[in-house]
Amino acid sequence: MARGSSHARWASGILFCALSELFTTISQGTWQFIPTAQLLNPDKVYGVSDELESFFLVILYEGIHWVVHNKPSLGVKYLFDGVQADPGGHRITGGKGKFCMYTLSPHTDAVLHQLRFERSPPFADILRELFLLFKSLAIVNRNKESGEELQDQDISNVKKLENCGAVVQLMKNAVERVDWPTEHECCCSLGG
């Protein structure tokens, strides 16, 4: 094979195969934080609501790992780390538990909907408010495809995700609260 060939070359005994071709078929990003719409359609162009959902997923993931809550055996791997490939094996995605996170399926009902951060009320409120916004987004996206009627509250919540203003205001309100716990009252490392 000619030196510099785009098909393959050896370097230190490791074969590197046309990485540029490989990278065009694998969904990029940190799987745990890729928004659900992107997981459903990897070719979708990111929008503001996708960036905001990724922000929510980072907060949720870190909260599960570092803030004391009532579910120490929480299925983080199910919610964030599950990996799947499309039938042809051309696309690999992860975090398949997020597909059902916004529904009331038995698994998520037992895990996510009962999750409580009682020692940190502001943090719990942030998660609850963001969860409701993205649950509405998932419902609206699903109902648009199925032709089901949209609820006014869901439409209102989705409009809040058209820009970052509502989420920024939510965060500002939370930061100004005086009932944040001290470090020793709320922090832990539970692992995943």
C-alpha atoms as a PDB file:
ATOM      1  CA  MET A   1       0.000   0.000   0.000  1.00  0.00           C
ATOM      2  CA  ALA A   2       1.354   3.412  -0.905  1.00  0.00           C
ATOM      3  CA  ARG A   3       2.576   5.642   1.880  1.00  0.00           C
ATOM      4  CA  GLY A   4      -0.146   8.100   2.934  1.00  0.00           C
ATOM      5  CA  SER A   5      -2.912   6.018   1.398  1.00  0.00           C
ATOM      6  CA  SER A   6      -6.383   6.974   2.601  1.00  0.00           C
ATOM      7  CA  HIS A   7      -7.456   3.317   2.883  1.00  0.00           C
ATOM      8  CA  ALA A   8      -5.161   2.091   5.627  1.00  0.00           C
ATOM      9  CA  ARG A   9      -1.655   2.486   7.032  1.00  0.00           C
ATOM     10  CA  TRP A  10       0.395   0.898   9.764  1.00  0.00           C
ATOM     11  CA  ALA A  11       1.836   2.973  12.591  1.00  0.00           C
ATOM     12  CA  SER A  12       3.574   1.370  15.562  1.00  0.00           C
ATOM     13  CA  GLY A  13       1.916  -1.931  14.724  1.00  0.00           C
ATOM     14  CA  ILE A  14      -1.623  -0.510  14.843  1.00  0.00           C
ATOM     15  CA  LEU A  15      -3.775  -0.384  11.743  1.00  0.00           C
ATOM     16  CA  PHE A  16      -5.636   2.876  11.260  1.00  0.00           C
ATOM     17  CA  CYS A  17      -8.516   2.449   8.803  1.00  0.00           C
ATOM     18  CA  ALA A  18      -9.990   5.431   7.033  1.00  0.00           C
ATOM     19  CA  LEU A  19     -10.947   7.213  10.235  1.00  0.00           C
ATOM     20  CA  SER A  20     -12.631  10.023   8.385  1.00  0.00           C
ATOM     21  CA  GLU A  21     -15.113   7.519   6.941  1.00  0.00           C
ATOM     22  CA  LEU A  22     -15.688   5.931  10.343  1.00  0.00           C
ATOM     23  CA  PHE A  23     -16.322   9.255  12.056  1.00  0.00           C
ATOM     24  CA  THR A  24     -18.991  10.202   9.546  1.00  0.00           C
ATOM     25  CA  THR A  25     -21.038   7.135  10.539  1.00  0.00           C
ATOM     26  CA  ILE A  26     -20.733   7.306  14.326  1.00  0.00           C
ATOM     27  CA  SER A  27     -22.874   9.758  16.278  1.00  0.00           C
ATOM     28  CA  GLN A  28     -20.512  12.214  17.934  1.00  0.00           C
ATOM     29  CA  GLY A  29     -20.799  13.677  21.393  1.00  0.00           C
ATOM     30  CA  THR A  30     -20.903  12.280  24.891  1.00  0.00           C
ATOM     31  CA  TRP A  31     -23.627   9.655  24.772  1.00  0.00           C
ATOM     32  CA  GLN A  32     -24.846  10.349  28.278  1.00  0.00           C
ATOM     33  CA  PHE A  33     -25.695  13.919  27.343  1.00  0.00           C
ATOM     34  CA  ILE A  34     -26.938  13.652  23.759  1.00  0.00           C
ATOM     35  CA  PRO A  35     -30.554  14.878  23.675  1.00  0.00           C
ATOM     36  CA  THR A  36     -33.265  12.334  22.963  1.00  0.00           C
ATOM     37  CA  ALA A  37     -34.243  13.922  19.632  1.00  0.00           C
ATOM     38  CA  GLN A  38     -30.656  13.497  18.432  1.00  0.00           C
ATOM     39  CA  LEU A  39     -30.638   9.856  19.540  1.00  0.00           C
ATOM     40  CA  LEU A  40     -33.846   9.242  17.596  1.00  0.00           C
ATOM     41  CA  ASN A  41     -32.489  11.023  14.524  1.00  0.00           C
ATOM     42  CA  PRO A  42     -28.671  11.265  14.492  1.00  0.00           C
ATOM     43  CA  ASP A  43     -28.780  13.419  11.350  1.00  0.00           C
ATOM     44  CA  LYS A  44     -30.841  16.102  13.096  1.00  0.00           C
ATOM     45  CA  VAL A  45     -29.162  19.489  13.333  1.00  0.00           C
ATOM     46  CA  TYR A  46     -28.809  20.625  16.933  1.00  0.00           C
ATOM     47  CA  GLY A  47     -31.117  23.418  18.028  1.00  0.00           C
ATOM     48  CA  VAL A  48     -31.412  25.487  21.187  1.00  0.00           C
ATOM     49  CA  SER A  49     -33.732  22.951  22.828  1.00  0.00           C
ATOM     50  CA  ASP A  50     -31.172  20.193  22.178  1.00  0.00           C
ATOM     51  CA  GLU A  51     -28.384  22.185  23.830  1.00  0.00           C
ATOM     52  CA  LEU A  52     -30.649  22.917  26.795  1.00  0.00           C
ATOM     53  CA  GLU A  53     -31.584  19.249  27.149  1.00  0.00           C
ATOM     54  CA  SER A  54     -27.897  18.316  27.140  1.00  0.00           C
ATOM     55  CA  PHE A  55     -27.396  20.864  29.930  1.00  0.00           C
ATOM     56  CA  PHE A  56     -30.257  19.245  31.895  1.00  0.00           C
ATOM     57  CA  LEU A  57     -28.781  15.771  31.382  1.00  0.00           C
ATOM     58  CA  VAL A  58     -25.389  16.926  32.696  1.00  0.00           C
ATOM     59  CA  ILE A  59     -27.041  18.401  35.804  1.00  0.00           C
ATOM     60  CA  LEU A  60     -29.070  15.225  36.371  1.00  0.00           C
ATOM     61  CA  TYR A  61     -26.058  12.949  35.854  1.00  0.00           C
ATOM     62  CA  GLU A  62     -23.831  14.940  38.187  1.00  0.00           C
ATOM     63  CA  GLY A  63     -26.606  15.261  40.768  1.00  0.00           C
ATOM     64  CA  ILE A  64     -27.106  11.511  40.812  1.00  0.00           C
ATOM     65  CA  HIS A  65     -23.382  11.061  41.422  1.00  0.00           C
ATOM     66  CA  TRP A  66     -22.678  13.873  43.890  1.00  0.00           C
ATOM     67  CA  VAL A  67     -25.833  15.034  45.687  1.00  0.00           C
ATOM     68  CA  VAL A  68     -27.408  12.896  48.410  1.00  0.00           C
ATOM     69  CA  HIS A  69     -30.704  11.387  47.261  1.00  0.00           C
ATOM     70  CA  ASN A  70     -33.072   8.582  48.153  1.00  0.00           C
ATOM     71  CA  LYS A  71     -32.046   6.137  45.393  1.00  0.00           C
ATOM     72  CA  PRO A  72     -28.427   5.077  46.060  1.00  0.00           C
ATOM     73  CA  SER A  73     -28.786   2.070  43.745  1.00  0.00           C
ATOM     74  CA  LEU A  74     -30.161   4.185  40.905  1.00  0.00           C
ATOM     75  CA  GLY A  75     -29.825   2.610  37.458  1.00  0.00           C
ATOM     76  CA  VAL A  76     -27.436   5.190  35.965  1.00  0.00           C
ATOM     77  CA  LYS A  77     -26.212   2.662  33.431  1.00  0.00           C
ATOM     78  CA  TYR A  78     -29.770   2.122  32.208  1.00  0.00           C
ATOM     79  CA  LEU A  79     -30.554   5.832  31.960  1.00  0.00           C
ATOM     80  CA  PHE A  80     -27.288   7.056  30.491  1.00  0.00           C
ATOM     81  CA  ASP A  81     -24.778   4.381  29.538  1.00  0.00           C
ATOM     82  CA  GLY A  82     -26.642   1.760  27.492  1.00  0.00           C
ATOM     83  CA  VAL A  83     -25.137   1.315  24.011  1.00  0.00           C
ATOM     84  CA  GLN A  84     -26.874   0.220  20.830  1.00  0.00           C
ATOM     85  CA  ALA A  85     -26.096   0.040  17.138  1.00  0.00           C
ATOM     86  CA  ASP A  86     -28.538   0.368  14.284  1.00  0.00           C
ATOM     87  CA  PRO A  87     -29.426  -2.905  12.506  1.00  0.00           C
ATOM     88  CA  GLY A  88     -26.733  -2.363   9.884  1.00  0.00           C
ATOM     89  CA  GLY A  89     -24.143  -1.474  12.515  1.00  0.00           C
ATOM     90  CA  HIS A  90     -23.431   1.879  10.869  1.00  0.00           C
ATOM     91  CA  ARG A  91     -24.424   4.074  13.784  1.00  0.00           C
ATOM     92  CA  ILE A  92     -23.605   3.522  17.412  1.00  0.00           C
ATOM     93  CA  THR A  93     -25.489   5.506  20.037  1.00  0.00           C
ATOM     94  CA  GLY A  94     -25.790   5.340  23.788  1.00  0.00           C
ATOM     95  CA  GLY A  95     -27.932   6.394  26.679  1.00  0.00           C
ATOM     96  CA  LYS A  96     -30.935   4.430  25.459  1.00  0.00           C
ATOM     97  CA  GLY A  97     -32.686   4.835  28.824  1.00  0.00           C
ATOM     98  CA  LYS A  98     -33.321   8.450  27.917  1.00  0.00           C
ATOM     99  CA  PHE A  99     -35.828   7.282  25.294  1.00  0.00           C
ATOM    100  CA  CYS A 100     -38.229   6.334  28.068  1.00  0.00           C
ATOM    101  CA  MET A 101     -37.039   8.754  30.755  1.00  0.00           C
ATOM    102  CA  TYR A 102     -39.860  11.183  30.061  1.00  0.00           C
ATOM    103  CA  THR A 103     -42.553   8.489  30.141  1.00  0.00           C
ATOM    104  CA  LEU A 104     -44.136   6.749  33.076  1.00  0.00           C
ATOM    105  CA  SER A 105     -42.888   3.304  32.168  1.00  0.00           C
ATOM    106  CA  PRO A 106     -42.513   0.952  35.150  1.00  0.00           C
ATOM    107  CA  HIS A 107     -38.710   1.211  35.166  1.00  0.00           C
ATOM    108  CA  THR A 108     -38.497   4.996  35.005  1.00  0.00           C
ATOM    109  CA  ASP A 109     -41.422   5.356  37.404  1.00  0.00           C
ATOM    110  CA  ALA A 110     -39.525   3.331  39.965  1.00  0.00           C
ATOM    111  CA  VAL A 111     -36.285   5.174  39.303  1.00  0.00           C
ATOM    112  CA  LEU A 112     -36.588   8.716  38.023  1.00  0.00           C
ATOM    113  CA  HIS A 113     -40.052   9.804  39.092  1.00  0.00           C
ATOM    114  CA  GLN A 114     -39.390   8.811  42.691  1.00  0.00           C
ATOM    115  CA  LEU A 115     -35.912  10.334  42.849  1.00  0.00           C
ATOM    116  CA  ARG A 116     -35.732  12.902  45.663  1.00  0.00           C
ATOM    117  CA  PHE A 117     -32.980  15.337  46.599  1.00  0.00           C
ATOM    118  CA  GLU A 118     -34.553  16.257  49.941  1.00  0.00           C
ATOM    119  CA  ARG A 119     -31.394  17.772  51.444  1.00  0.00           C
ATOM    120  CA  SER A 120     -31.116  20.206  48.540  1.00  0.00           C
ATOM    121  CA  PRO A 121     -34.517  21.761  47.738  1.00  0.00           C
ATOM    122  CA  PRO A 122     -33.177  24.274  45.178  1.00  0.00           C
ATOM    123  CA  PHE A 123     -31.413  21.514  43.262  1.00  0.00           C
ATOM    124  CA  ALA A 124     -34.528  19.328  43.386  1.00  0.00           C
ATOM    125  CA  ASP A 125     -36.629  22.219  42.068  1.00  0.00           C
ATOM    126  CA  ILE A 126     -34.221  22.866  39.181  1.00  0.00           C
ATOM    127  CA  LEU A 127     -34.356  19.218  38.137  1.00  0.00           C
ATOM    128  CA  ARG A 128     -38.145  19.051  38.428  1.00  0.00           C
ATOM    129  CA  GLU A 129     -38.705  22.217  36.365  1.00  0.00           C
ATOM    130  CA  LEU A 130     -36.236  21.204  33.663  1.00  0.00           C
ATOM    131  CA  PHE A 131     -37.633  17.666  33.575  1.00  0.00           C
ATOM    132  CA  LEU A 132     -41.146  19.020  32.969  1.00  0.00           C
ATOM    133  CA  LEU A 133     -39.923  21.189  30.076  1.00  0.00           C
ATOM    134  CA  PHE A 134     -38.172  18.300  28.340  1.00  0.00           C
ATOM    135  CA  LYS A 135     -40.992  15.871  29.065  1.00  0.00           C
ATOM    136  CA  SER A 136     -43.277  18.318  27.221  1.00  0.00           C
ATOM    137  CA  LEU A 137     -40.802  18.491  24.346  1.00  0.00           C
ATOM    138  CA  ALA A 138     -40.766  14.696  24.066  1.00  0.00           C
ATOM    139  CA  ILE A 139     -44.577  14.574  24.167  1.00  0.00           C
ATOM    140  CA  VAL A 140     -44.935  17.286  21.512  1.00  0.00           C
ATOM    141  CA  ASN A 141     -42.407  15.574  19.224  1.00  0.00           C
ATOM    142  CA  ARG A 142     -44.150  12.222  19.661  1.00  0.00           C
ATOM    143  CA  ASN A 143     -47.632  13.675  19.145  1.00  0.00           C
ATOM    144  CA  LYS A 144     -46.605  15.589  16.027  1.00  0.00           C
ATOM    145  CA  GLU A 145     -45.494  12.304  14.479  1.00  0.00           C
ATOM    146  CA  SER A 146     -48.576  10.363  15.588  1.00  0.00           C
ATOM    147  CA  GLY A 147     -51.068  13.150  14.891  1.00  0.00           C
ATOM    148  CA  GLU A 148     -52.334  13.190  18.481  1.00  0.00           C
ATOM    149  CA  GLU A 149     -53.696  16.422  19.921  1.00  0.00           C
ATOM    150  CA  LEU A 150     -51.227  18.652  21.761  1.00  0.00           C
ATOM    151  CA  GLN A 151     -51.968  19.958  25.262  1.00  0.00           C
ATOM    152  CA  ASP A 152     -51.687  23.716  25.927  1.00  0.00           C
ATOM    153  CA  GLN A 153     -49.247  23.188  28.814  1.00  0.00           C
ATOM    154  CA  ASP A 154     -46.923  21.116  26.642  1.00  0.00           C
ATOM    155  CA  ILE A 155     -47.030  23.733  23.866  1.00  0.00           C
ATOM    156  CA  SER A 156     -46.286  26.474  26.418  1.00  0.00           C
ATOM    157  CA  ASN A 157     -43.337  24.519  27.846  1.00  0.00           C
ATOM    158  CA  VAL A 158     -41.871  23.855  24.410  1.00  0.00           C
ATOM    159  CA  LYS A 159     -42.055  27.571  23.568  1.00  0.00           C
ATOM    160  CA  LYS A 160     -39.882  28.188  26.642  1.00  0.00           C
ATOM    161  CA  LEU A 161     -37.215  26.057  24.971  1.00  0.00           C
ATOM    162  CA  GLU A 162     -37.058  28.133  21.778  1.00  0.00           C
ATOM    163  CA  ASN A 163     -34.329  30.210  23.399  1.00  0.00           C
ATOM    164  CA  CYS A 164     -32.369  29.936  26.621  1.00  0.00           C
ATOM    165  CA  GLY A 165     -34.167  32.767  28.461  1.00  0.00           C
ATOM    166  CA  ALA A 166     -36.518  30.615  30.564  1.00  0.00           C
ATOM    167  CA  VAL A 167     -33.763  28.226  31.617  1.00  0.00           C
ATOM    168  CA  VAL A 168     -31.393  31.088  32.458  1.00  0.00           C
ATOM    169  CA  GLN A 169     -34.121  32.686  34.585  1.00  0.00           C
ATOM    170  CA  LEU A 170     -34.777  29.367  36.315  1.00  0.00           C
ATOM    171  CA  MET A 171     -31.082  29.080  37.154  1.00  0.00           C
ATOM    172  CA  LYS A 172     -30.877  32.715  38.357  1.00  0.00           C
ATOM    173  CA  ASN A 173     -33.847  32.164  40.657  1.00  0.00           C
ATOM    174  CA  ALA A 174     -32.259  29.007  42.056  1.00  0.00           C
ATOM    175  CA  VAL A 175     -28.890  30.667  42.698  1.00  0.00           C
ATOM    176  CA  GLU A 176     -30.582  33.454  44.661  1.00  0.00           C
ATOM    177  CA  ARG A 177     -32.305  31.020  47.023  1.00  0.00           C
ATOM    178  CA  VAL A 178     -31.058  30.935  50.607  1.00  0.00           C
ATOM    179  CA  ASP A 179     -31.988  27.328  51.338  1.00  0.00           C
ATOM    180  CA  TRP A 180     -29.013  25.715  49.600  1.00  0.00           C
ATOM    181  CA  PRO A 181     -27.384  23.182  51.933  1.00  0.00           C
ATOM    182  CA  THR A 182     -23.764  23.321  52.981  1.00  0.00           C
ATOM    183  CA  GLU A 183     -21.311  20.919  51.396  1.00  0.00           C
ATOM    184  CA  HIS A 184     -21.333  18.389  54.222  1.00  0.00           C
ATOM    185  CA  GLU A 185     -25.152  18.280  54.207  1.00  0.00           C
ATOM    186  CA  CYS A 186     -25.696  17.252  50.616  1.00  0.00           C
ATOM    187  CA  CYS A 187     -22.626  15.884  48.908  1.00  0.00           C
ATOM    188  CA  CYS A 188     -21.615  12.317  48.385  1.00  0.00           C
ATOM    189  CA  SER A 189     -19.936  10.176  45.776  1.00  0.00           C
ATOM    190  CA  LEU A 190     -22.201   7.302  44.880  1.00  0.00           C
ATOM    191  CA  GLY A 191     -20.484   6.237  41.713  1.00  0.00           C
ATOM    192  CA  GLY A 192     -22.488   4.897  38.825  1.00  0.00           C
END
